Amino acid sequence: MDDKVVFKPSAFSHSVTEADILRAMDEYLYDGPM
C-alpha cells in the first residue's frame, strides 16, 4: 500500500484528496461555525 502512495502520489492524491478536501471543508464550514 505504501509503495503505491509513494510511487504514484499524484494519481491517488488527485482522486481522493480533492474529494476529501471538498467534503471536509463543506462539513467543517457547515458544522464548524454552527
PDB file of N, CA and C in Angstrom:
ATOM      1  N   MET A   1       0.848  -1.208   0.000  1.00  0.00           N
ATOM      2  CA  MET A   1       0.000   0.000   0.000  1.00  0.00           C
ATOM      3  C   MET A   1       0.884   1.260   0.000  1.00  0.00           C
ATOM      4  N   ASP A   2       1.946   1.199   0.784  1.00  0.00           N
ATOM      5  CA  ASP A   2       2.848   2.354   0.847  1.00  0.00           C
ATOM      6  C   ASP A   2       3.559   2.564  -0.488  1.00  0.00           C
ATOM      7  N   ASP A   3       3.860   1.439  -1.154  1.00  0.00           N
ATOM      8  CA  ASP A   3       4.567   1.522  -2.436  1.00  0.00           C
ATOM      9  C   ASP A   3       3.770   2.342  -3.450  1.00  0.00           C
ATOM     10  N   LYS A   4       2.493   2.102  -3.501  1.00  0.00           N
ATOM     11  CA  LYS A   4       1.656   2.802  -4.487  1.00  0.00           C
ATOM     12  C   LYS A   4       1.572   4.297  -4.149  1.00  0.00           C
ATOM     13  N   VAL A   5       1.404   4.598  -2.898  1.00  0.00           N
ATOM     14  CA  VAL A   5       1.273   6.010  -2.491  1.00  0.00           C
ATOM     15  C   VAL A   5       2.573   6.764  -2.737  1.00  0.00           C
ATOM     16  N   VAL A   6       3.687   6.086  -2.477  1.00  0.00           N
ATOM     17  CA  VAL A   6       4.995   6.754  -2.665  1.00  0.00           C
ATOM     18  C   VAL A   6       5.386   6.781  -4.140  1.00  0.00           C
ATOM     19  N   PHE A   7       4.950   5.753  -4.858  1.00  0.00           N
ATOM     20  CA  PHE A   7       5.315   5.661  -6.275  1.00  0.00           C
ATOM     21  C   PHE A   7       4.456   6.601  -7.121  1.00  0.00           C
ATOM     22  N   LYS A   8       3.173   6.614  -6.836  1.00  0.00           N
ATOM     23  CA  LYS A   8       2.273   7.476  -7.631  1.00  0.00           C
ATOM     24  C   LYS A   8       1.339   8.270  -6.700  1.00  0.00           C
ATOM     25  N   PRO A   9       1.870   9.252  -6.025  1.00  0.00           N
ATOM     26  CA  PRO A   9       1.084  10.069  -5.086  1.00  0.00           C
ATOM     27  C   PRO A   9       0.143  11.023  -5.839  1.00  0.00           C
ATOM     28  N   SER A  10       0.465  11.283  -7.077  1.00  0.00           N
ATOM     29  CA  SER A  10      -0.349  12.221  -7.868  1.00  0.00           C
ATOM     30  C   SER A  10      -1.716  11.616  -8.192  1.00  0.00           C
ATOM     31  N   ALA A  11      -1.713  10.395  -8.696  1.00  0.00           N
ATOM     32  CA  ALA A  11      -2.975   9.737  -9.088  1.00  0.00           C
ATOM     33  C   ALA A  11      -3.856   9.527  -7.860  1.00  0.00           C
ATOM     34  N   PHE A  12      -3.250   9.062  -6.786  1.00  0.00           N
ATOM     35  CA  PHE A  12      -4.038   8.774  -5.582  1.00  0.00           C
ATOM     36  C   PHE A  12      -4.512  10.075  -4.918  1.00  0.00           C
ATOM     37  N   SER A  13      -3.649  11.059  -4.918  1.00  0.00           N
ATOM     38  CA  SER A  13      -3.983  12.333  -4.271  1.00  0.00           C
ATOM     39  C   SER A  13      -4.993  13.114  -5.116  1.00  0.00           C
ATOM     40  N   HIS A  14      -4.945  12.898  -6.411  1.00  0.00           N
ATOM     41  CA  HIS A  14      -5.837  13.642  -7.309  1.00  0.00           C
ATOM     42  C   HIS A  14      -7.274  13.140  -7.226  1.00  0.00           C
ATOM     43  N   SER A  15      -7.405  11.860  -6.879  1.00  0.00           N
ATOM     44  CA  SER A  15      -8.755  11.260  -6.866  1.00  0.00           C
ATOM     45  C   SER A  15      -9.373  11.330  -5.475  1.00  0.00           C
ATOM     46  N   VAL A  16      -8.564  11.085  -4.467  1.00  0.00           N
ATOM     47  CA  VAL A  16      -9.107  11.051  -3.101  1.00  0.00           C
ATOM     48  C   VAL A  16      -8.947  12.399  -2.394  1.00  0.00           C
ATOM     49  N   THR A  17      -7.790  12.987  -2.513  1.00  0.00           N
ATOM     50  CA  THR A  17      -7.529  14.253  -1.803  1.00  0.00           C
ATOM     51  C   THR A  17      -8.549  15.327  -2.197  1.00  0.00           C
ATOM     52  N   GLU A  18      -8.755  15.488  -3.488  1.00  0.00           N
ATOM     53  CA  GLU A  18      -9.669  16.550  -3.937  1.00  0.00           C
ATOM     54  C   GLU A  18     -11.067  16.361  -3.332  1.00  0.00           C
ATOM     55  N   ALA A  19     -11.607  15.172  -3.459  1.00  0.00           N
ATOM     56  CA  ALA A  19     -12.959  14.898  -2.933  1.00  0.00           C
ATOM     57  C   ALA A  19     -12.940  14.988  -1.411  1.00  0.00           C
ATOM     58  N   ASP A  20     -11.876  14.502  -0.818  1.00  0.00           N
ATOM     59  CA  ASP A  20     -11.789  14.527   0.649  1.00  0.00           C
ATOM     60  C   ASP A  20     -11.740  15.962   1.162  1.00  0.00           C
ATOM     61  N   ILE A  21     -10.933  16.776   0.532  1.00  0.00           N
ATOM     62  CA  ILE A  21     -10.792  18.183   0.966  1.00  0.00           C
ATOM     63  C   ILE A  21     -12.122  18.924   0.796  1.00  0.00           C
ATOM     64  N   LEU A  22     -12.740  18.738  -0.356  1.00  0.00           N
ATOM     65  CA  LEU A  22     -14.014  19.441  -0.616  1.00  0.00           C
ATOM     66  C   LEU A  22     -15.069  19.005   0.404  1.00  0.00           C
ATOM     67  N   ARG A  23     -15.091  17.728   0.712  1.00  0.00           N
ATOM     68  CA  ARG A  23     -16.089  17.203   1.643  1.00  0.00           C
ATOM     69  C   ARG A  23     -15.775  17.704   3.060  1.00  0.00           C
ATOM     70  N   ALA A  24     -14.520  17.635   3.415  1.00  0.00           N
ATOM     71  CA  ALA A  24     -14.109  18.068   4.761  1.00  0.00           C
ATOM     72  C   ALA A  24     -14.401  19.559   4.942  1.00  0.00           C
ATOM     73  N   MET A  25     -14.097  20.351   3.947  1.00  0.00           N
ATOM     74  CA  MET A  25     -14.340  21.812   4.039  1.00  0.00           C
ATOM     75  C   MET A  25     -15.842  22.083   4.182  1.00  0.00           C
ATOM     76  N   ASP A  26     -16.620  21.410   3.373  1.00  0.00           N
ATOM     77  CA  ASP A  26     -18.081  21.608   3.431  1.00  0.00           C
ATOM     78  C   ASP A  26     -18.618  21.247   4.808  1.00  0.00           C
ATOM     79  N   GLU A  27     -18.176  20.108   5.320  1.00  0.00           N
ATOM     80  CA  GLU A  27     -18.663  19.665   6.639  1.00  0.00           C
ATOM     81  C   GLU A  27     -18.140  20.580   7.742  1.00  0.00           C
ATOM     82  N   TYR A  28     -16.903  21.011   7.593  1.00  0.00           N
ATOM     83  CA  TYR A  28     -16.296  21.873   8.625  1.00  0.00           C
ATOM     84  C   TYR A  28     -16.957  23.253   8.624  1.00  0.00           C
ATOM     85  N   LEU A  29     -17.208  23.758   7.433  1.00  0.00           N
ATOM     86  CA  LEU A  29     -17.816  25.095   7.328  1.00  0.00           C
ATOM     87  C   LEU A  29     -19.273  25.052   7.805  1.00  0.00           C
ATOM     88  N   TYR A  30     -19.928  23.952   7.552  1.00  0.00           N
ATOM     89  CA  TYR A  30     -21.337  23.839   7.952  1.00  0.00           C
ATOM     90  C   TYR A  30     -21.486  23.440   9.423  1.00  0.00           C
ATOM     91  N   ASP A  31     -20.557  22.556   9.855  1.00  0.00           N
ATOM     92  CA  ASP A  31     -20.636  22.073  11.244  1.00  0.00           C
ATOM     93  C   ASP A  31     -19.628  22.794  12.137  1.00  0.00           C
ATOM     94  N   GLY A  32     -18.804  23.636  11.541  1.00  0.00           N
ATOM     95  CA  GLY A  32     -17.765  24.337  12.321  1.00  0.00           C
ATOM     96  C   GLY A  32     -18.324  25.538  13.076  1.00  0.00           C
ATOM     97  N   PRO A  33     -18.647  26.610  12.346  1.00  0.00           N
ATOM     98  CA  PRO A  33     -19.132  27.845  12.977  1.00  0.00           C
ATOM     99  C   PRO A  33     -20.481  27.646  13.660  1.00  0.00           C
ATOM    100  N   MET A  34     -21.251  26.696  13.157  1.00  0.00           N
ATOM    101  CA  MET A  34     -22.592  26.487  13.720  1.00  0.00           C
ATOM    102  C   MET A  34     -22.495  25.476  14.838  1.00  0.00           C
TER     103      MET A  34
END
